[in-house]
Amino acid sequence: FVFISIAKQYKEPKIIIAPKNITYQWKDELLSEDI
């Protein structure tokens, strides 16, 4: 959540590198923050 809150303040595209088992958790978190 903190990562996403910070990332939203940057206009640059983001590359998020995470272990495979949590990649879709990242997607869910982004969606929950109105991305």
PDB file of all heavy atoms in Angstrom:
ATOM      1  N   PHE A   1       0.826  -1.208   0.000  1.00  0.00           N
ATOM      2  CA  PHE A   1       0.000   0.000   0.000  1.00  0.00           C
ATOM      3  C   PHE A   1       0.859   1.257   0.000  1.00  0.00           C
ATOM      4  O   PHE A   1       0.595   2.217  -0.730  1.00  0.00           O
ATOM      5  CB  PHE A   1      -0.926  -0.003   1.218  1.00  0.00           C
ATOM      6  CG  PHE A   1      -1.597   1.312   1.486  1.00  0.00           C
ATOM      7  CD1 PHE A   1      -2.584   1.785   0.637  1.00  0.00           C
ATOM      8  CD2 PHE A   1      -1.220   2.095   2.576  1.00  0.00           C
ATOM      9  CE1 PHE A   1      -3.201   3.014   0.874  1.00  0.00           C
ATOM     10  CE2 PHE A   1      -1.824   3.312   2.812  1.00  0.00           C
ATOM     11  CZ  PHE A   1      -2.817   3.785   1.961  1.00  0.00           C
ATOM     12  N   VAL A   2       1.927   1.256   0.800  1.00  0.00           N
ATOM     13  CA  VAL A   2       2.826   2.416   0.850  1.00  0.00           C
ATOM     14  C   VAL A   2       3.525   2.592  -0.493  1.00  0.00           C
ATOM     15  O   VAL A   2       3.611   3.708  -1.023  1.00  0.00           O
ATOM     16  CB  VAL A   2       3.849   2.278   1.993  1.00  0.00           C
ATOM     17  CG1 VAL A   2       4.855   3.420   1.953  1.00  0.00           C
ATOM     18  CG2 VAL A   2       3.137   2.251   3.340  1.00  0.00           C
ATOM     19  N   PHE A   3       4.018   1.500  -1.057  1.00  0.00           N
ATOM     20  CA  PHE A   3       4.649   1.562  -2.377  1.00  0.00           C
ATOM     21  C   PHE A   3       3.712   2.210  -3.397  1.00  0.00           C
ATOM     22  O   PHE A   3       4.102   3.103  -4.156  1.00  0.00           O
ATOM     23  CB  PHE A   3       5.013   0.163  -2.856  1.00  0.00           C
ATOM     24  CG  PHE A   3       6.398  -0.286  -2.520  1.00  0.00           C
ATOM     25  CD1 PHE A   3       6.630  -1.595  -2.135  1.00  0.00           C
ATOM     26  CD2 PHE A   3       7.491   0.575  -2.604  1.00  0.00           C
ATOM     27  CE1 PHE A   3       7.915  -2.035  -1.838  1.00  0.00           C
ATOM     28  CE2 PHE A   3       8.774   0.146  -2.313  1.00  0.00           C
ATOM     29  CZ  PHE A   3       8.991  -1.167  -1.933  1.00  0.00           C
ATOM     30  N   ILE A   4       2.468   1.750  -3.428  1.00  0.00           N
ATOM     31  CA  ILE A   4       1.510   2.245  -4.412  1.00  0.00           C
ATOM     32  C   ILE A   4       1.188   3.714  -4.162  1.00  0.00           C
ATOM     33  O   ILE A   4       1.134   4.516  -5.102  1.00  0.00           O
ATOM     34  CB  ILE A   4       0.225   1.396  -4.390  1.00  0.00           C
ATOM     35  CG1 ILE A   4       0.525  -0.033  -4.887  1.00  0.00           C
ATOM     36  CG2 ILE A   4      -0.870   2.033  -5.257  1.00  0.00           C
ATOM     37  CD1 ILE A   4      -0.620  -1.012  -4.694  1.00  0.00           C
ATOM     38  N   SER A   5       1.019   4.083  -2.901  1.00  0.00           N
ATOM     39  CA  SER A   5       0.715   5.479  -2.573  1.00  0.00           C
ATOM     40  C   SER A   5       1.825   6.410  -3.035  1.00  0.00           C
ATOM     41  O   SER A   5       1.568   7.524  -3.496  1.00  0.00           O
ATOM     42  CB  SER A   5       0.506   5.625  -1.062  1.00  0.00           C
ATOM     43  OG  SER A   5      -0.592   4.849  -0.636  1.00  0.00           O
ATOM     44  N   ILE A   6       3.068   5.946  -2.923  1.00  0.00           N
ATOM     45  CA  ILE A   6       4.206   6.747  -3.388  1.00  0.00           C
ATOM     46  C   ILE A   6       4.267   6.736  -4.905  1.00  0.00           C
ATOM     47  O   ILE A   6       4.431   7.783  -5.543  1.00  0.00           O
ATOM     48  CB  ILE A   6       5.518   6.214  -2.775  1.00  0.00           C
ATOM     49  CG1 ILE A   6       5.504   6.388  -1.254  1.00  0.00           C
ATOM     50  CG2 ILE A   6       6.725   6.926  -3.392  1.00  0.00           C
ATOM     51  CD1 ILE A   6       6.637   5.669  -0.537  1.00  0.00           C
ATOM     52  N   ALA A   7       4.134   5.566  -5.505  1.00  0.00           N
ATOM     53  CA  ALA A   7       4.256   5.427  -6.961  1.00  0.00           C
ATOM     54  C   ALA A   7       3.238   6.299  -7.695  1.00  0.00           C
ATOM     55  O   ALA A   7       3.534   6.832  -8.774  1.00  0.00           O
ATOM     56  CB  ALA A   7       4.093   3.966  -7.361  1.00  0.00           C
ATOM     57  N   LYS A   8       2.063   6.455  -7.132  1.00  0.00           N
ATOM     58  CA  LYS A   8       1.020   7.267  -7.774  1.00  0.00           C
ATOM     59  C   LYS A   8       1.435   8.728  -7.929  1.00  0.00           C
ATOM     60  O   LYS A   8       0.860   9.450  -8.744  1.00  0.00           O
ATOM     61  CB  LYS A   8      -0.284   7.165  -6.967  1.00  0.00           C
ATOM     62  CG  LYS A   8      -0.984   5.820  -7.109  1.00  0.00           C
ATOM     63  CD  LYS A   8      -2.061   5.610  -6.050  1.00  0.00           C
ATOM     64  CE  LYS A   8      -3.236   6.526  -6.223  1.00  0.00           C
ATOM     65  NZ  LYS A   8      -4.326   6.213  -5.259  1.00  0.00           N
ATOM     66  N   GLN A   9       2.420   9.157  -7.158  1.00  0.00           N
ATOM     67  CA  GLN A   9       2.864  10.556  -7.230  1.00  0.00           C
ATOM     68  C   GLN A   9       3.868  10.791  -8.365  1.00  0.00           C
ATOM     69  O   GLN A   9       4.228  11.928  -8.642  1.00  0.00           O
ATOM     70  CB  GLN A   9       3.513  10.963  -5.900  1.00  0.00           C
ATOM     71  CG  GLN A   9       2.689  10.650  -4.668  1.00  0.00           C
ATOM     72  CD  GLN A   9       1.299  11.256  -4.703  1.00  0.00           C
ATOM     73  OE1 GLN A   9       1.135  12.418  -5.050  1.00  0.00           O
ATOM     74  NE2 GLN A   9       0.303  10.451  -4.357  1.00  0.00           N
ATOM     75  N   TYR A  10       4.313   9.725  -8.992  1.00  0.00           N
ATOM     76  CA  TYR A  10       5.287   9.823 -10.087  1.00  0.00           C
ATOM     77  C   TYR A  10       4.570   9.657 -11.421  1.00  0.00           C
ATOM     78  O   TYR A  10       3.752   8.739 -11.578  1.00  0.00           O
ATOM     79  CB  TYR A  10       6.360   8.740  -9.958  1.00  0.00           C
ATOM     80  CG  TYR A  10       7.305   8.918  -8.797  1.00  0.00           C
ATOM     81  CD1 TYR A  10       6.892   8.641  -7.490  1.00  0.00           C
ATOM     82  CD2 TYR A  10       8.617   9.361  -8.988  1.00  0.00           C
ATOM     83  CE1 TYR A  10       7.750   8.795  -6.415  1.00  0.00           C
ATOM     84  CE2 TYR A  10       9.491   9.515  -7.913  1.00  0.00           C
ATOM     85  CZ  TYR A  10       9.052   9.227  -6.630  1.00  0.00           C
ATOM     86  OH  TYR A  10       9.905   9.381  -5.566  1.00  0.00           O
ATOM     87  N   LYS A  11       4.903  10.492 -12.373  1.00  0.00           N
ATOM     88  CA  LYS A  11       4.255  10.411 -13.685  1.00  0.00           C
ATOM     89  C   LYS A  11       4.856   9.315 -14.551  1.00  0.00           C
ATOM     90  O   LYS A  11       4.244   8.881 -15.539  1.00  0.00           O
ATOM     91  CB  LYS A  11       4.356  11.752 -14.416  1.00  0.00           C
ATOM     92  CG  LYS A  11       5.767  12.175 -14.801  1.00  0.00           C
ATOM     93  CD  LYS A  11       5.758  13.517 -15.529  1.00  0.00           C
ATOM     94  CE  LYS A  11       7.131  13.910 -16.066  1.00  0.00           C
ATOM     95  NZ  LYS A  11       8.145  14.028 -15.008  1.00  0.00           N
ATOM     96  N   GLU A  12       6.071   8.864 -14.220  1.00  0.00           N
ATOM     97  CA  GLU A  12       6.764   7.857 -15.027  1.00  0.00           C
ATOM     98  C   GLU A  12       6.064   6.497 -14.941  1.00  0.00           C
ATOM     99  O   GLU A  12       5.519   6.132 -13.882  1.00  0.00           O
ATOM    100  CB  GLU A  12       8.214   7.695 -14.553  1.00  0.00           C
ATOM    101  CG  GLU A  12       9.125   8.867 -14.872  1.00  0.00           C
ATOM    102  CD  GLU A  12       8.937  10.050 -13.962  1.00  0.00           C
ATOM    103  OE1 GLU A  12       8.221   9.910 -12.944  1.00  0.00           O
ATOM    104  OE2 GLU A  12       9.500  11.124 -14.255  1.00  0.00           O
ATOM    105  N   PRO A  13       6.068   5.726 -16.028  1.00  0.00           N
ATOM    106  CA  PRO A  13       5.554   4.351 -15.969  1.00  0.00           C
ATOM    107  C   PRO A  13       6.361   3.522 -14.959  1.00  0.00           C
ATOM    108  O   PRO A  13       7.546   3.804 -14.709  1.00  0.00           O
ATOM    109  CB  PRO A  13       5.772   3.834 -17.393  1.00  0.00           C
ATOM    110  CG  PRO A  13       5.860   5.061 -18.245  1.00  0.00           C
ATOM    111  CD  PRO A  13       6.516   6.097 -17.387  1.00  0.00           C
ATOM    112  N   LYS A  14       5.714   2.514 -14.391  1.00  0.00           N
ATOM    113  CA  LYS A  14       6.345   1.717 -13.346  1.00  0.00           C
ATOM    114  C   LYS A  14       6.564   0.272 -13.804  1.00  0.00           C
ATOM    115  O   LYS A  14       5.716  -0.296 -14.483  1.00  0.00           O
ATOM    116  CB  LYS A  14       5.475   1.692 -12.082  1.00  0.00           C
ATOM    117  CG  LYS A  14       5.386   3.027 -11.350  1.00  0.00           C
ATOM    118  CD  LYS A  14       4.362   3.910 -11.952  1.00  0.00           C
ATOM    119  CE  LYS A  14       4.237   5.259 -11.222  1.00  0.00           C
ATOM    120  NZ  LYS A  14       3.406   6.227 -11.962  1.00  0.00           N
ATOM    121  N   ILE A  15       7.688  -0.286 -13.390  1.00  0.00           N
ATOM    122  CA  ILE A  15       7.946  -1.714 -13.533  1.00  0.00           C
ATOM    123  C   ILE A  15       8.027  -2.276 -12.126  1.00  0.00           C
ATOM    124  O   ILE A  15       8.902  -1.895 -11.342  1.00  0.00           O
ATOM    125  CB  ILE A  15       9.255  -1.994 -14.295  1.00  0.00           C
ATOM    126  CG1 ILE A  15       9.193  -1.418 -15.712  1.00  0.00           C
ATOM    127  CG2 ILE A  15       9.522  -3.508 -14.349  1.00  0.00           C
ATOM    128  CD1 ILE A  15      10.496  -1.564 -16.494  1.00  0.00           C
ATOM    129  N   ILE A  16       7.105  -3.162 -11.787  1.00  0.00           N
ATOM    130  CA  ILE A  16       7.052  -3.756 -10.451  1.00  0.00           C
ATOM    131  C   ILE A  16       7.580  -5.183 -10.547  1.00  0.00           C
ATOM    132  O   ILE A  16       7.015  -6.013 -11.251  1.00  0.00           O
ATOM    133  CB  ILE A  16       5.617  -3.743  -9.897  1.00  0.00           C
ATOM    134  CG1 ILE A  16       5.107  -2.299  -9.782  1.00  0.00           C
ATOM    135  CG2 ILE A  16       5.554  -4.453  -8.546  1.00  0.00           C
ATOM    136  CD1 ILE A  16       3.609  -2.187  -9.587  1.00  0.00           C
ATOM    137  N   ILE A  17       8.664  -5.450  -9.842  1.00  0.00           N
ATOM    138  CA  ILE A  17       9.286  -6.773  -9.832  1.00  0.00           C
ATOM    139  C   ILE A  17       8.944  -7.426  -8.499  1.00  0.00           C
ATOM    140  O   ILE A  17       9.261  -6.892  -7.436  1.00  0.00           O
ATOM    141  CB  ILE A  17      10.810  -6.673  -9.997  1.00  0.00           C
ATOM    142  CG1 ILE A  17      11.169  -5.876 -11.257  1.00  0.00           C
ATOM    143  CG2 ILE A  17      11.436  -8.065 -10.045  1.00  0.00           C
ATOM    144  CD1 ILE A  17      12.647  -5.526 -11.369  1.00  0.00           C
ATOM    145  N   ALA A  18       8.301  -8.583  -8.562  1.00  0.00           N
ATOM    146  CA  ALA A  18       7.870  -9.264  -7.338  1.00  0.00           C
ATOM    147  C   ALA A  18       7.903 -10.770  -7.575  1.00  0.00           C
ATOM    148  O   ALA A  18       7.767 -11.227  -8.713  1.00  0.00           O
ATOM    149  CB  ALA A  18       6.464  -8.820  -6.945  1.00  0.00           C
ATOM    150  N   PRO A  19       8.063 -11.564  -6.524  1.00  0.00           N
ATOM    151  CA  PRO A  19       7.998 -13.017  -6.696  1.00  0.00           C
ATOM    152  C   PRO A  19       6.694 -13.428  -7.379  1.00  0.00           C
ATOM    153  O   PRO A  19       5.645 -12.808  -7.165  1.00  0.00           O
ATOM    154  CB  PRO A  19       8.075 -13.544  -5.259  1.00  0.00           C
ATOM    155  CG  PRO A  19       8.841 -12.490  -4.522  1.00  0.00           C
ATOM    156  CD  PRO A  19       8.392 -11.189  -5.136  1.00  0.00           C
ATOM    157  N   LYS A  20       6.774 -14.463  -8.186  1.00  0.00           N
ATOM    158  CA  LYS A  20       5.638 -14.848  -9.029  1.00  0.00           C
ATOM    159  C   LYS A  20       4.355 -15.085  -8.238  1.00  0.00           C
ATOM    160  O   LYS A  20       3.264 -14.749  -8.697  1.00  0.00           O
ATOM    161  CB  LYS A  20       5.992 -16.115  -9.825  1.00  0.00           C
ATOM    162  CG  LYS A  20       4.917 -16.535 -10.814  1.00  0.00           C
ATOM    163  CD  LYS A  20       5.365 -17.657 -11.696  1.00  0.00           C
ATOM    164  CE  LYS A  20       4.268 -18.115 -12.641  1.00  0.00           C
ATOM    165  NZ  LYS A  20       3.743 -17.030 -13.483  1.00  0.00           N
ATOM    166  N   ASN A  21       4.487 -15.634  -7.014  1.00  0.00           N
ATOM    167  CA  ASN A  21       3.287 -15.968  -6.254  1.00  0.00           C
ATOM    168  C   ASN A  21       2.523 -14.751  -5.747  1.00  0.00           C
ATOM    169  O   ASN A  21       1.407 -14.889  -5.244  1.00  0.00           O
ATOM    170  CB  ASN A  21       3.634 -16.890  -5.081  1.00  0.00           C
ATOM    171  CG  ASN A  21       4.542 -16.220  -4.063  1.00  0.00           C
ATOM    172  OD1 ASN A  21       5.535 -15.597  -4.416  1.00  0.00           O
ATOM    173  ND2 ASN A  21       4.204 -16.344  -2.788  1.00  0.00           N
ATOM    174  N   ILE A  22       3.109 -13.540  -5.867  1.00  0.00           N
ATOM    175  CA  ILE A  22       2.381 -12.355  -5.391  1.00  0.00           C
ATOM    176  C   ILE A  22       2.143 -11.330  -6.512  1.00  0.00           C
ATOM    177  O   ILE A  22       1.693 -10.223  -6.222  1.00  0.00           O
ATOM    178  CB  ILE A  22       3.085 -11.687  -4.193  1.00  0.00           C
ATOM    179  CG1 ILE A  22       4.485 -11.188  -4.556  1.00  0.00           C
ATOM    180  CG2 ILE A  22       3.130 -12.621  -2.996  1.00  0.00           C
ATOM    181  CD1 ILE A  22       5.113 -10.327  -3.457  1.00  0.00           C
ATOM    182  N   THR A  23       2.405 -11.690  -7.754  1.00  0.00           N
ATOM    183  CA  THR A  23       2.192 -10.718  -8.832  1.00  0.00           C
ATOM    184  C   THR A  23       0.723 -10.311  -8.943  1.00  0.00           C
ATOM    185  O   THR A  23       0.416  -9.128  -9.141  1.00  0.00           O
ATOM    186  CB  THR A  23       2.689 -11.249 -10.180  1.00  0.00           C
ATOM    187  OG1 THR A  23       2.097 -12.527 -10.437  1.00  0.00           O
ATOM    188  CG2 THR A  23       4.208 -11.381 -10.207  1.00  0.00           C
ATOM    189  N   TYR A  24      -0.178 -11.271  -8.791  1.00  0.00           N
ATOM    190  CA  TYR A  24      -1.600 -10.917  -8.899  1.00  0.00           C
ATOM    191  C   TYR A  24      -2.122 -10.252  -7.624  1.00  0.00           C
ATOM    192  O   TYR A  24      -3.120  -9.526  -7.664  1.00  0.00           O
ATOM    193  CB  TYR A  24      -2.433 -12.141  -9.282  1.00  0.00           C
ATOM    194  CG  TYR A  24      -2.367 -12.379 -10.781  1.00  0.00           C
ATOM    195  CD1 TYR A  24      -1.407 -13.216 -11.322  1.00  0.00           C
ATOM    196  CD2 TYR A  24      -3.231 -11.710 -11.653  1.00  0.00           C
ATOM    197  CE1 TYR A  24      -1.316 -13.408 -12.705  1.00  0.00           C
ATOM    198  CE2 TYR A  24      -3.159 -11.894 -13.025  1.00  0.00           C
ATOM    199  CZ  TYR A  24      -2.199 -12.739 -13.542  1.00  0.00           C
ATOM    200  OH  TYR A  24      -2.100 -12.913 -14.902  1.00  0.00           O
ATOM    201  N   GLN A  25      -1.443 -10.467  -6.496  1.00  0.00           N
ATOM    202  CA  GLN A  25      -1.780  -9.694  -5.305  1.00  0.00           C
ATOM    203  C   GLN A  25      -1.469  -8.219  -5.551  1.00  0.00           C
ATOM    204  O   GLN A  25      -2.218  -7.341  -5.121  1.00  0.00           O
ATOM    205  CB  GLN A  25      -0.974 -10.205  -4.106  1.00  0.00           C
ATOM    206  CG  GLN A  25      -1.381 -11.580  -3.620  1.00  0.00           C
ATOM    207  CD  GLN A  25      -0.545 -12.039  -2.438  1.00  0.00           C
ATOM    208  OE1 GLN A  25      -0.093 -11.243  -1.618  1.00  0.00           O
ATOM    209  NE2 GLN A  25      -0.308 -13.339  -2.355  1.00  0.00           N
ATOM    210  N   TRP A  26      -0.358  -7.967  -6.242  1.00  0.00           N
ATOM    211  CA  TRP A  26      -0.022  -6.590  -6.606  1.00  0.00           C
ATOM    212  C   TRP A  26      -1.120  -5.992  -7.482  1.00  0.00           C
ATOM    213  O   TRP A  26      -1.532  -4.845  -7.273  1.00  0.00           O
ATOM    214  CB  TRP A  26       1.323  -6.554  -7.333  1.00  0.00           C
ATOM    215  CG  TRP A  26       2.461  -6.171  -6.457  1.00  0.00           C
ATOM    216  CD1 TRP A  26       3.315  -7.016  -5.797  1.00  0.00           C
ATOM    217  CD2 TRP A  26       2.866  -4.840  -6.119  1.00  0.00           C
ATOM    218  NE1 TRP A  26       4.231  -6.280  -5.076  1.00  0.00           N
ATOM    219  CE2 TRP A  26       3.986  -4.955  -5.256  1.00  0.00           C
ATOM    220  CE3 TRP A  26       2.406  -3.574  -6.455  1.00  0.00           C
ATOM    221  CZ2 TRP A  26       4.639  -3.839  -4.734  1.00  0.00           C
ATOM    222  CZ3 TRP A  26       3.071  -2.458  -5.936  1.00  0.00           C
ATOM    223  CH2 TRP A  26       4.157  -2.594  -5.090  1.00  0.00           C
ATOM    224  N   LYS A  27      -1.589  -6.752  -8.440  1.00  0.00           N
ATOM    225  CA  LYS A  27      -2.659  -6.234  -9.307  1.00  0.00           C
ATOM    226  C   LYS A  27      -3.893  -5.899  -8.486  1.00  0.00           C
ATOM    227  O   LYS A  27      -4.508  -4.831  -8.662  1.00  0.00           O
ATOM    228  CB  LYS A  27      -3.011  -7.243 -10.394  1.00  0.00           C
ATOM    229  CG  LYS A  27      -4.114  -6.749 -11.323  1.00  0.00           C
ATOM    230  CD  LYS A  27      -4.447  -7.746 -12.415  1.00  0.00           C
ATOM    231  CE  LYS A  27      -5.563  -7.199 -13.316  1.00  0.00           C
ATOM    232  NZ  LYS A  27      -5.905  -8.136 -14.416  1.00  0.00           N
ATOM    233  N   ASP A  28      -4.272  -6.801  -7.589  1.00  0.00           N
ATOM    234  CA  ASP A  28      -5.450  -6.565  -6.750  1.00  0.00           C
ATOM    235  C   ASP A  28      -5.285  -5.311  -5.898  1.00  0.00           C
ATOM    236  O   ASP A  28      -6.227  -4.534  -5.721  1.00  0.00           O
ATOM    237  CB  ASP A  28      -5.714  -7.779  -5.850  1.00  0.00           C
ATOM    238  CG  ASP A  28      -6.191  -8.995  -6.628  1.00  0.00           C
ATOM    239  OD1 ASP A  28      -6.645  -8.821  -7.783  1.00  0.00           O
ATOM    240  OD2 ASP A  28      -6.095 -10.115  -6.087  1.00  0.00           O
ATOM    241  N   GLU A  29      -4.080  -5.116  -5.359  1.00  0.00           N
ATOM    242  CA  GLU A  29      -3.820  -3.922  -4.538  1.00  0.00           C
ATOM    243  C   GLU A  29      -3.911  -2.648  -5.380  1.00  0.00           C
ATOM    244  O   GLU A  29      -4.441  -1.636  -4.927  1.00  0.00           O
ATOM    245  CB  GLU A  29      -2.439  -4.024  -3.887  1.00  0.00           C
ATOM    246  CG  GLU A  29      -2.341  -5.060  -2.785  1.00  0.00           C
ATOM    247  CD  GLU A  29      -2.564  -4.457  -1.411  1.00  0.00           C
ATOM    248  OE1 GLU A  29      -2.994  -3.298  -1.324  1.00  0.00           O
ATOM    249  OE2 GLU A  29      -2.317  -5.165  -0.414  1.00  0.00           O
ATOM    250  N   LEU A  30      -3.393  -2.702  -6.594  1.00  0.00           N
ATOM    251  CA  LEU A  30      -3.484  -1.535  -7.480  1.00  0.00           C
ATOM    252  C   LEU A  30      -4.940  -1.210  -7.789  1.00  0.00           C
ATOM    253  O   LEU A  30      -5.349  -0.039  -7.754  1.00  0.00           O
ATOM    254  CB  LEU A  30      -2.717  -1.800  -8.774  1.00  0.00           C
ATOM    255  CG  LEU A  30      -1.185  -1.787  -8.671  1.00  0.00           C
ATOM    256  CD1 LEU A  30      -0.570  -2.395  -9.933  1.00  0.00           C
ATOM    257  CD2 LEU A  30      -0.662  -0.368  -8.463  1.00  0.00           C
ATOM    258  N   LEU A  31      -5.730  -2.226  -8.079  1.00  0.00           N
ATOM    259  CA  LEU A  31      -7.149  -2.014  -8.375  1.00  0.00           C
ATOM    260  C   LEU A  31      -7.877  -1.437  -7.162  1.00  0.00           C
ATOM    261  O   LEU A  31      -8.747  -0.562  -7.309  1.00  0.00           O
ATOM    262  CB  LEU A  31      -7.794  -3.334  -8.798  1.00  0.00           C
ATOM    263  CG  LEU A  31      -7.336  -3.908 -10.145  1.00  0.00           C
ATOM    264  CD1 LEU A  31      -7.919  -5.306 -10.349  1.00  0.00           C
ATOM    265  CD2 LEU A  31      -7.758  -2.987 -11.293  1.00  0.00           C
ATOM    266  N   SER A  32      -7.497  -1.899  -5.971  1.00  0.00           N
ATOM    267  CA  SER A  32      -8.158  -1.406  -4.751  1.00  0.00           C
ATOM    268  C   SER A  32      -7.826   0.055  -4.474  1.00  0.00           C
ATOM    269  O   SER A  32      -8.540   0.727  -3.735  1.00  0.00           O
ATOM    270  CB  SER A  32      -7.769  -2.267  -3.549  1.00  0.00           C
ATOM    271  OG  SER A  32      -6.420  -2.035  -3.167  1.00  0.00           O
ATOM    272  N   GLU A  33      -6.728   0.539  -5.084  1.00  0.00           N
ATOM    273  CA  GLU A  33      -6.343   1.951  -4.932  1.00  0.00           C
ATOM    274  C   GLU A  33      -6.771   2.772  -6.152  1.00  0.00           C
ATOM    275  O   GLU A  33      -6.185   3.816  -6.454  1.00  0.00           O
ATOM    276  CB  GLU A  33      -4.835   2.065  -4.710  1.00  0.00           C
ATOM    277  CG  GLU A  33      -4.383   1.515  -3.371  1.00  0.00           C
ATOM    278  CD  GLU A  33      -5.109   2.176  -2.206  1.00  0.00           C
ATOM    279  OE1 GLU A  33      -5.152   3.420  -2.166  1.00  0.00           O
ATOM    280  OE2 GLU A  33      -5.646   1.444  -1.352  1.00  0.00           O
ATOM    281  N   ASP A  34      -7.785   2.279  -6.848  1.00  0.00           N
ATOM    282  CA  ASP A  34      -8.430   2.990  -7.960  1.00  0.00           C
ATOM    283  C   ASP A  34      -7.533   3.181  -9.179  1.00  0.00           C
ATOM    284  O   ASP A  34      -7.714   4.117  -9.964  1.00  0.00           O
ATOM    285  CB  ASP A  34      -8.961   4.363  -7.497  1.00  0.00           C
ATOM    286  CG  ASP A  34     -10.096   4.233  -6.495  1.00  0.00           C
ATOM    287  OD1 ASP A  34     -10.745   3.162  -6.478  1.00  0.00           O
ATOM    288  OD2 ASP A  34     -10.330   5.179  -5.730  1.00  0.00           O
ATOM    289  N   ILE A  35      -6.559   2.293  -9.364  1.00  0.00           N
ATOM    290  CA  ILE A  35      -5.793   2.288 -10.604  1.00  0.00           C
ATOM    291  C   ILE A  35      -6.623   1.539 -11.638  1.00  0.00           C
ATOM    292  O   ILE A  35      -6.990   0.377 -11.415  1.00  0.00           O
ATOM    293  CB  ILE A  35      -4.426   1.590 -10.431  1.00  0.00           C
ATOM    294  CG1 ILE A  35      -3.629   2.235  -9.289  1.00  0.00           C
ATOM    295  CG2 ILE A  35      -3.645   1.606 -11.733  1.00  0.00           C
ATOM    296  CD1 ILE A  35      -3.265   3.677  -9.507  1.00  0.00           C
TER     297      ILE A  35
END
